[in-house]
Amino acid sequence: MKKTVLLTLALIIVSTTMLGAASSAATSVNWLQFRRDNQRSGYNQFETTLTLASVGTANTNFNFGLQRIAYLPFAEPSAPVIYKNVLYTVGKSFDDGLYDTHLVWALYAMDAVTGALKWTMPFPCLPLSGVPAIDAGANVILLPVGGRCNSESTGGRTIAVDLTTRAIRWQSGGAGTPAVVGGNAYFRGWVDGGGDELISVKTATGQTNWSIDSPSGDPSVGSGALYLGGIPTVGPTLIYAQGSLSALNASNGAVKWTKTCAVGVCAFNTSGTLKWSFPTGYGVVSLAGNVVYMGCDAVWLCAVNATTGALIWKNGSCEFCVDYPPGVIDSLTVAGGLIYVRAHGGFGVVNAATGVKLNGDEDWRAPGTQAPVVNNGLVYVVTENRINIYGLCGNPLPC
């Protein structure tokens, strides 16, 4: 209890040090699920504050225009989701290094600009096995938890928490990263005795639509179907993936087709026809307009034409490395003409049109691999013990 109180005080101290800070904007863009949308695009086309013009002009040599304006101290925080200017994350209120039933995991709701704590909901479940998702229409947040709950081995479950009452509205088996669209949630589960299943439920009630034995992977939704396999990115006409890719009927889970990308990153159309492959590509790609961004050639960052797969530019990822030898690209987010890169313990920002880096790596140590969240003029970077909030000095908060 004492440590929980200390954490709450730490959150309050972070917010109260920003005297004179502006309140959250009256309107905001939401970041409701993993990689922002159910297509897993990793692209925020609505970002207008953080752009090459605003961020790039503040850059001098290795000094970057963005400054850390707050941090939220947690042990093992989840990637955040943001709804109506409120940031939600799950973390441990203390960490004694023991994964045991007495550890207090909690859902935290905070002002997305100032970091001021709004409320906390502890629950005795061991850690998230995926990234939370919000259904705005149903007013619930879905928390995929694995391991144990109340000292019971669960094999994983998804817990839906009402954002107004904070009551648990429903629980379901399965604990993969949910994709939420059209009042339905789709997430991975595990069949008794081994194997994978895919579950579809109504997000408002938890009523099961269907559950089937399925190919493995967390789902992406778009172009009239569900797609499984290495977190595919779904475009208007093409689906980008590594390895195995399966298309399923969203209404009943029936498998429509399964294809294999033999090497690198591949683009398939909605019928499963291979349109192109980029042999040295890897990782979860980001799709912004007609450009695909991905790791490539082991330690490089590449931009390719989304329709043809033709290379547009290539840049060395070690410009974002903290340690050597060079490391792989872990994750990408695109917003405002910029790419936010996590690579080998470092965090960098790149001009999306040219691949030119804007900031130096030495000042941007960020252990972890989760893609940054870029929303309403702020960048949220998850590390192993905090969520750093970066922004332009004076907009929206003083540094």
Protein backbone atom coordinates (compact mmCIF):
# COMPACT_ATOMS: atom_id res chain seq x y z
CA MET A 1 0.00 0.00 0.00
CA LYS A 2 2.82 2.39 0.85
CA LYS A 3 4.47 1.86 -2.50
CA THR A 4 1.14 2.33 -4.28
CA VAL A 5 0.69 5.67 -2.52
CA LEU A 6 4.21 6.70 -3.47
CA LEU A 7 3.49 5.97 -7.11
CA THR A 8 0.34 8.05 -6.98
CA LEU A 9 2.30 10.90 -5.41
CA ALA A 10 4.95 10.59 -8.10
CA LEU A 11 2.32 10.97 -10.78
CA ILE A 12 0.89 14.01 -9.00
CA ILE A 13 4.36 15.56 -8.68
CA VAL A 14 4.97 15.12 -12.40
CA SER A 15 1.78 16.99 -13.26
CA THR A 16 2.09 19.75 -10.66
CA THR A 17 5.61 20.69 -11.77
CA MET A 18 4.07 22.02 -14.96
CA LEU A 19 2.54 25.14 -13.43
CA GLY A 20 0.64 27.23 -15.87
CA ALA A 21 0.24 24.32 -18.25
CA ALA A 22 -2.55 24.46 -20.74
CA SER A 23 -5.44 22.08 -20.29
CA SER A 24 -6.20 19.40 -22.84
CA ALA A 25 -7.67 20.62 -26.07
CA ALA A 26 -11.43 20.59 -26.42
CA THR A 27 -11.19 18.23 -29.37
CA SER A 28 -8.59 15.61 -30.07
CA VAL A 29 -7.71 12.70 -32.29
CA ASN A 30 -8.04 9.32 -30.63
CA TRP A 31 -5.48 6.49 -30.64
CA LEU A 32 -7.72 3.57 -29.75
CA GLN A 33 -5.75 0.40 -30.45
CA PHE A 34 -2.44 -1.15 -31.39
CA ARG A 35 -0.80 0.76 -34.25
CA ARG A 36 -3.70 3.20 -34.07
CA ASP A 37 -6.32 1.45 -36.21
CA ASN A 38 -7.74 -1.96 -36.97
CA GLN A 39 -5.74 -2.05 -40.24
CA ARG A 40 -2.52 -1.77 -38.11
CA SER A 41 -1.25 1.03 -40.35
CA GLY A 42 1.00 2.68 -37.76
CA TYR A 43 0.05 5.99 -39.38
CA ASN A 44 -1.62 9.08 -37.90
CA GLN A 45 -2.67 11.18 -40.89
CA PHE A 46 -4.32 13.74 -38.61
CA GLU A 47 -1.15 14.97 -36.87
CA THR A 48 -0.65 18.66 -37.69
CA THR A 49 1.42 19.98 -34.76
CA LEU A 50 4.50 17.78 -35.08
CA THR A 51 5.62 18.18 -38.69
CA LEU A 52 8.86 18.58 -40.57
CA ALA A 53 8.26 22.34 -40.53
CA SER A 54 7.76 22.55 -36.75
CA VAL A 55 10.18 19.88 -35.61
CA GLY A 56 12.84 20.11 -38.30
CA THR A 57 13.36 23.87 -38.02
CA ALA A 58 14.10 23.47 -34.31
CA ASN A 59 16.92 21.08 -35.11
CA THR A 60 20.53 22.28 -34.83
CA ASN A 61 23.22 19.67 -35.44
CA PHE A 62 22.31 16.91 -32.95
CA ASN A 63 19.88 18.94 -30.87
CA PHE A 64 16.34 17.88 -31.54
CA GLY A 65 13.31 20.17 -31.44
CA LEU A 66 11.27 17.81 -29.26
CA GLN A 67 11.88 17.88 -25.52
CA ARG A 68 10.71 15.53 -22.79
CA ILE A 69 8.01 17.45 -20.96
CA ALA A 70 6.79 14.73 -18.61
CA TYR A 71 7.21 11.12 -17.69
CA LEU A 72 4.87 8.61 -16.10
CA PRO A 73 6.69 6.15 -13.80
CA PHE A 74 5.49 2.55 -14.03
CA ALA A 75 7.00 -0.89 -13.97
CA GLU A 76 6.43 -2.63 -17.30
CA PRO A 77 3.82 -0.23 -18.73
CA SER A 78 1.71 -1.28 -21.67
CA ALA A 79 1.58 0.68 -24.88
CA PRO A 80 -0.93 3.47 -24.21
CA VAL A 81 -4.26 4.10 -25.86
CA ILE A 82 -5.82 7.58 -25.92
CA TYR A 83 -9.50 8.52 -25.96
CA LYS A 84 -10.98 12.00 -25.42
CA ASN A 85 -7.66 13.39 -24.15
CA VAL A 86 -7.31 10.60 -21.58
CA LEU A 87 -4.36 8.20 -21.74
CA TYR A 88 -4.89 4.64 -20.53
CA THR A 89 -2.12 2.20 -19.71
CA VAL A 90 -1.59 -0.86 -17.54
CA GLY A 91 1.46 -1.18 -15.30
CA LYS A 92 2.64 -2.45 -11.94
CA SER A 93 2.33 -0.10 -9.00
CA PHE A 94 5.50 -1.60 -7.57
CA ASP A 95 8.10 -4.13 -8.68
CA ASP A 96 9.99 -6.31 -6.24
CA GLY A 97 11.26 -8.55 -9.01
CA LEU A 98 8.93 -11.42 -8.15
CA TYR A 99 6.12 -12.53 -10.43
CA ASP A 100 3.72 -13.56 -7.73
CA THR A 101 0.06 -13.08 -6.93
CA HIS A 102 0.67 -10.18 -4.54
CA LEU A 103 1.94 -7.88 -7.30
CA VAL A 104 -0.51 -5.06 -7.90
CA TRP A 105 -1.24 -4.47 -11.55
CA ALA A 106 -3.52 -1.56 -12.29
CA LEU A 107 -5.26 0.26 -15.11
CA TYR A 108 -4.31 3.96 -15.02
CA ALA A 109 -6.26 6.83 -16.57
CA MET A 110 -4.34 10.10 -16.94
CA ASP A 111 -4.64 13.44 -18.67
CA ALA A 112 -2.95 12.79 -22.01
CA VAL A 113 -1.25 16.23 -22.00
CA THR A 114 -0.17 16.82 -18.41
CA GLY A 115 0.04 13.26 -17.14
CA ALA A 116 -2.16 14.14 -14.17
CA LEU A 117 -3.69 11.03 -12.65
CA LYS A 118 -7.47 10.78 -13.03
CA TRP A 119 -8.13 7.35 -11.56
CA THR A 120 -6.60 3.94 -10.93
CA MET A 121 -8.19 0.51 -11.06
CA PRO A 122 -6.06 -2.22 -9.44
CA PHE A 123 -6.67 -5.83 -10.38
CA PRO A 124 -4.77 -8.94 -9.24
CA CYS A 125 -3.92 -10.26 -12.70
CA LEU A 126 -0.50 -11.02 -14.04
CA PRO A 127 0.72 -9.12 -16.98
CA LEU A 128 -0.86 -8.07 -20.23
CA SER A 129 -0.36 -10.50 -23.07
CA GLY A 130 -1.20 -7.89 -25.69
CA VAL A 131 -1.97 -4.21 -26.18
CA PRO A 132 -5.26 -2.75 -24.83
CA ALA A 133 -7.95 -1.48 -27.19
CA ILE A 134 -10.90 0.89 -26.76
CA ASP A 135 -14.30 0.69 -28.41
CA ALA A 136 -15.56 4.27 -28.22
CA GLY A 137 -19.10 3.32 -29.18
CA ALA A 138 -19.35 0.74 -26.40
CA ASN A 139 -17.34 2.91 -23.95
CA VAL A 140 -15.13 0.01 -22.89
CA ILE A 141 -11.42 -0.73 -22.79
CA LEU A 142 -10.33 -4.31 -23.49
CA LEU A 143 -7.40 -5.63 -21.45
CA PRO A 144 -5.77 -8.88 -22.65
CA VAL A 145 -4.20 -10.51 -19.61
CA GLY A 146 -2.24 -13.74 -19.39
CA GLY A 147 -1.00 -16.06 -16.69
CA ARG A 148 -3.02 -15.86 -13.47
CA CYS A 149 -5.93 -13.89 -12.08
CA ASN A 150 -6.82 -14.11 -8.38
CA SER A 151 -4.26 -16.92 -7.96
CA GLU A 152 -6.01 -18.98 -10.64
CA SER A 153 -4.29 -20.07 -13.81
CA THR A 154 -6.39 -18.63 -16.61
CA GLY A 155 -4.48 -19.43 -19.76
CA GLY A 156 -5.29 -15.88 -20.71
CA ARG A 157 -8.47 -13.83 -20.79
CA THR A 158 -9.76 -10.53 -22.09
CA ILE A 159 -11.33 -8.20 -19.51
CA ALA A 160 -13.65 -5.40 -20.62
CA VAL A 161 -13.76 -2.39 -18.25
CA ASP A 162 -16.45 0.27 -18.50
CA LEU A 163 -14.70 3.64 -18.89
CA THR A 164 -17.37 5.50 -16.92
CA THR A 165 -18.18 3.20 -14.02
CA ARG A 166 -14.81 1.35 -14.02
CA ALA A 167 -16.72 -1.88 -13.48
CA ILE A 168 -15.71 -5.07 -15.23
CA ARG A 169 -18.44 -5.45 -17.82
CA TRP A 170 -17.46 -8.87 -19.14
CA GLN A 171 -14.63 -11.38 -19.43
CA SER A 172 -13.78 -13.82 -22.18
CA GLY A 173 -11.21 -16.50 -22.82
CA GLY A 174 -8.35 -15.52 -25.09
CA ALA A 175 -5.79 -12.82 -24.52
CA GLY A 176 -4.22 -11.60 -27.73
CA THR A 177 -4.04 -7.98 -28.91
CA PRO A 178 -7.63 -7.18 -29.95
CA ALA A 179 -8.70 -5.60 -33.21
CA VAL A 180 -11.88 -3.57 -32.69
CA VAL A 181 -14.20 -2.51 -35.51
CA GLY A 182 -17.95 -2.16 -36.02
CA GLY A 183 -18.91 -3.05 -32.44
CA ASN A 184 -16.97 -6.32 -32.57
CA ALA A 185 -13.63 -7.37 -31.14
CA TYR A 186 -11.39 -10.07 -32.60
CA PHE A 187 -8.58 -11.60 -30.59
CA ARG A 188 -6.42 -14.68 -30.28
CA GLY A 189 -7.04 -17.47 -27.81
CA TRP A 190 -5.70 -20.93 -27.04
CA VAL A 191 -7.50 -24.22 -27.51
CA ASP A 192 -7.45 -26.68 -24.59
CA GLY A 193 -4.70 -29.16 -25.25
CA GLY A 194 -2.74 -26.77 -27.45
CA GLY A 195 -3.26 -24.82 -30.64
CA ASP A 196 -4.68 -21.43 -31.49
CA GLU A 197 -8.18 -20.13 -31.86
CA LEU A 198 -9.66 -16.86 -32.98
CA ILE A 199 -12.54 -15.35 -31.02
CA SER A 200 -15.07 -12.71 -32.06
CA VAL A 201 -17.29 -11.01 -29.46
CA LYS A 202 -19.64 -8.05 -29.16
CA THR A 203 -17.62 -5.36 -27.41
CA ALA A 204 -20.63 -3.96 -25.54
CA THR A 205 -21.71 -7.25 -23.95
CA GLY A 206 -18.99 -9.85 -24.51
CA GLN A 207 -21.48 -12.07 -26.34
CA THR A 208 -19.55 -14.53 -28.50
CA ASN A 209 -20.13 -14.17 -32.22
CA TRP A 210 -17.97 -17.16 -33.08
CA SER A 211 -14.74 -18.92 -32.14
CA ILE A 212 -12.73 -21.23 -34.37
CA ASP A 213 -9.46 -23.09 -34.49
CA SER A 214 -7.34 -20.80 -36.61
CA PRO A 215 -3.91 -20.00 -37.96
CA SER A 216 -1.73 -18.27 -35.38
CA GLY A 217 -1.24 -14.54 -35.00
CA ASP A 218 -3.02 -11.40 -33.85
CA PRO A 219 -5.65 -10.13 -36.30
CA SER A 220 -5.77 -7.09 -38.51
CA VAL A 221 -9.07 -6.08 -40.09
CA GLY A 222 -9.74 -4.34 -43.39
CA SER A 223 -10.55 -4.77 -47.07
CA GLY A 224 -13.54 -6.91 -46.13
CA ALA A 225 -11.76 -9.57 -44.10
CA LEU A 226 -9.64 -10.56 -41.10
CA TYR A 227 -5.96 -11.21 -41.69
CA LEU A 228 -3.66 -13.30 -39.48
CA GLY A 229 0.07 -13.83 -39.54
CA GLY A 230 2.81 -11.65 -38.09
CA ILE A 231 0.48 -8.66 -37.57
CA PRO A 232 -0.31 -7.83 -41.20
CA THR A 233 -0.82 -4.23 -42.34
CA VAL A 234 -3.97 -3.84 -44.42
CA GLY A 235 -4.18 -1.26 -47.19
CA PRO A 236 -7.11 -0.37 -49.46
CA THR A 237 -6.22 -3.08 -52.01
CA LEU A 238 -3.10 -4.85 -50.71
CA ILE A 239 -2.09 -6.60 -47.49
CA TYR A 240 1.55 -6.45 -46.36
CA ALA A 241 2.99 -9.28 -44.28
CA GLN A 242 5.89 -11.61 -43.54
CA GLY A 243 5.72 -15.39 -43.49
CA SER A 244 2.29 -16.99 -43.50
CA LEU A 245 -0.78 -14.84 -44.20
CA SER A 246 -4.38 -16.04 -43.87
CA ALA A 247 -7.59 -14.26 -44.84
CA LEU A 248 -10.74 -15.07 -42.86
CA ASN A 249 -14.40 -14.18 -43.24
CA ALA A 250 -15.15 -11.59 -40.54
CA SER A 251 -18.74 -12.77 -40.10
CA ASN A 252 -17.98 -16.41 -39.24
CA GLY A 253 -14.19 -16.88 -39.12
CA ALA A 254 -14.07 -19.21 -42.12
CA VAL A 255 -10.62 -19.30 -43.71
CA LYS A 256 -10.77 -17.90 -47.26
CA TRP A 257 -7.15 -18.50 -48.23
CA THR A 258 -3.66 -18.95 -46.80
CA LYS A 259 -0.49 -17.83 -48.56
CA THR A 260 3.20 -17.76 -47.69
CA CYS A 261 5.65 -14.95 -48.17
CA ALA A 262 8.79 -16.97 -48.80
CA VAL A 263 11.25 -14.19 -48.05
CA GLY A 264 11.14 -10.62 -46.82
CA VAL A 265 7.94 -8.56 -46.88
CA CYS A 266 5.23 -9.37 -49.43
CA ALA A 267 2.15 -7.61 -50.74
CA PHE A 268 -0.91 -9.72 -51.56
CA ASN A 269 -4.21 -8.57 -53.00
CA THR A 270 -7.52 -9.46 -51.37
CA SER A 271 -7.73 -12.65 -53.43
CA GLY A 272 -4.36 -13.85 -52.16
CA THR A 273 -2.39 -13.14 -55.32
CA LEU A 274 1.20 -12.09 -54.70
CA LYS A 275 1.75 -8.63 -56.20
CA TRP A 276 5.33 -7.97 -55.07
CA SER A 277 7.95 -8.94 -52.53
CA PHE A 278 10.81 -7.00 -50.99
CA PRO A 279 13.33 -9.74 -50.19
CA THR A 280 15.35 -7.89 -47.53
CA GLY A 281 12.35 -6.37 -45.71
CA TYR A 282 11.32 -7.40 -42.20
CA GLY A 283 9.16 -6.39 -39.26
CA VAL A 284 5.72 -4.87 -38.94
CA VAL A 285 5.45 -2.27 -41.68
CA SER A 286 3.83 1.16 -41.54
CA LEU A 287 1.64 2.30 -44.42
CA ALA A 288 1.25 6.03 -45.09
CA GLY A 289 -0.53 6.90 -48.31
CA ASN A 290 1.21 4.97 -51.08
CA VAL A 291 4.45 4.40 -49.18
CA VAL A 292 5.41 1.39 -47.06
CA TYR A 293 8.10 1.86 -44.40
CA MET A 294 9.95 -1.14 -43.00
CA GLY A 295 13.21 -2.48 -41.68
CA CYS A 296 15.41 -3.84 -44.46
CA ASP A 297 18.89 -5.26 -45.17
CA ALA A 298 19.21 -6.31 -41.52
CA VAL A 299 20.03 -2.86 -40.10
CA TRP A 300 18.47 -0.37 -42.50
CA LEU A 301 15.21 1.57 -42.77
CA CYS A 302 13.53 1.50 -46.19
CA ALA A 303 10.67 3.30 -47.92
CA VAL A 304 9.08 1.51 -50.87
CA ASN A 305 6.20 2.19 -53.23
CA ALA A 306 3.15 0.50 -51.73
CA THR A 307 1.76 -0.48 -55.14
CA THR A 308 4.90 -1.75 -56.88
CA GLY A 309 7.41 -2.46 -54.09
CA ALA A 310 10.02 -0.25 -55.78
CA LEU A 311 12.61 1.22 -53.41
CA ILE A 312 12.23 4.95 -52.75
CA TRP A 313 15.07 5.42 -50.23
CA LYS A 314 17.17 3.52 -47.69
CA ASN A 315 18.85 4.76 -44.50
CA GLY A 316 21.05 3.05 -41.91
CA SER A 317 19.25 2.16 -38.71
CA CYS A 318 22.42 2.44 -36.67
CA GLU A 319 21.87 6.16 -36.69
CA PHE A 320 19.31 5.27 -34.00
CA CYS A 321 21.43 2.71 -32.15
CA VAL A 322 22.63 3.26 -28.61
CA ASP A 323 25.06 0.34 -28.60
CA TYR A 324 27.03 -1.35 -31.32
CA PRO A 325 26.96 -3.50 -33.40
CA PRO A 326 24.04 -2.08 -35.36
CA GLY A 327 20.60 -3.27 -34.34
CA VAL A 328 17.43 -4.09 -36.18
CA ILE A 329 14.48 -1.77 -36.62
CA ASP A 330 12.06 -2.73 -33.85
CA SER A 331 9.04 -0.58 -34.70
CA LEU A 332 7.88 2.46 -36.66
CA THR A 333 5.18 5.12 -36.43
CA VAL A 334 4.48 7.67 -39.16
CA ALA A 335 2.82 11.05 -38.53
CA GLY A 336 3.10 14.59 -39.88
CA GLY A 337 5.64 13.68 -42.56
CA LEU A 338 7.97 12.15 -39.93
CA ILE A 339 8.89 8.59 -39.00
CA TYR A 340 9.43 7.76 -35.33
CA VAL A 341 11.83 4.80 -35.12
CA ARG A 342 12.71 2.38 -32.33
CA ALA A 343 15.94 0.52 -33.08
CA HIS A 344 18.34 -1.37 -30.82
CA GLY A 345 17.53 0.59 -27.68
CA GLY A 346 17.48 3.95 -29.41
CA PHE A 347 14.76 6.28 -30.62
CA GLY A 348 15.07 8.48 -33.70
CA VAL A 349 13.01 10.74 -35.92
CA VAL A 350 13.34 10.74 -39.70
CA ASN A 351 12.09 12.84 -42.60
CA ALA A 352 9.57 10.47 -44.24
CA ALA A 353 10.21 11.91 -47.70
CA THR A 354 13.99 11.54 -47.72
CA GLY A 355 15.06 9.24 -44.88
CA VAL A 356 17.27 11.96 -43.37
CA LYS A 357 17.53 11.74 -39.60
CA LEU A 358 16.60 14.81 -37.54
CA ASN A 359 18.03 13.98 -34.14
CA GLY A 360 21.08 12.41 -32.53
CA ASP A 361 20.99 9.03 -30.86
CA GLU A 362 23.05 9.66 -27.74
CA ASP A 363 20.35 11.73 -26.05
CA TRP A 364 17.52 9.36 -26.97
CA ARG A 365 18.11 6.17 -25.05
CA ALA A 366 14.82 4.30 -24.91
CA PRO A 367 15.07 0.64 -23.89
CA GLY A 368 12.17 -1.28 -25.33
CA THR A 369 10.65 -2.12 -28.69
CA GLN A 370 7.10 -0.75 -28.66
CA ALA A 371 6.25 1.72 -31.41
CA PRO A 372 5.85 5.33 -30.26
CA VAL A 373 2.34 6.76 -30.08
CA VAL A 374 2.14 10.12 -31.87
CA ASN A 375 -1.04 11.99 -31.12
CA ASN A 376 -2.23 15.61 -30.80
CA GLY A 377 1.25 17.14 -30.85
CA LEU A 378 2.82 14.72 -28.38
CA VAL A 379 4.97 11.59 -28.63
CA TYR A 380 4.60 8.80 -26.06
CA VAL A 381 7.59 6.44 -25.81
CA VAL A 382 7.26 3.35 -23.62
CA THR A 383 10.37 2.06 -21.85
CA GLU A 384 10.74 -0.67 -19.26
CA ASN A 385 9.90 1.60 -16.33
CA ARG A 386 8.12 4.68 -17.65
CA ILE A 387 6.23 6.37 -20.43
CA ASN A 388 8.11 9.44 -21.67
CA ILE A 389 6.06 12.28 -23.13
CA TYR A 390 7.80 14.47 -25.70
CA GLY A 391 6.57 17.67 -27.35
CA LEU A 392 7.62 21.04 -28.70
CA CYS A 393 8.66 23.47 -25.99
CA GLY A 394 5.73 25.74 -25.23
CA ASN A 395 3.26 23.69 -27.28
CA PRO A 396 1.27 22.42 -25.51
CA LEU A 397 3.34 22.58 -22.28
CA PRO A 398 6.44 24.47 -21.17
CA CYS A 399 9.64 22.42 -20.93
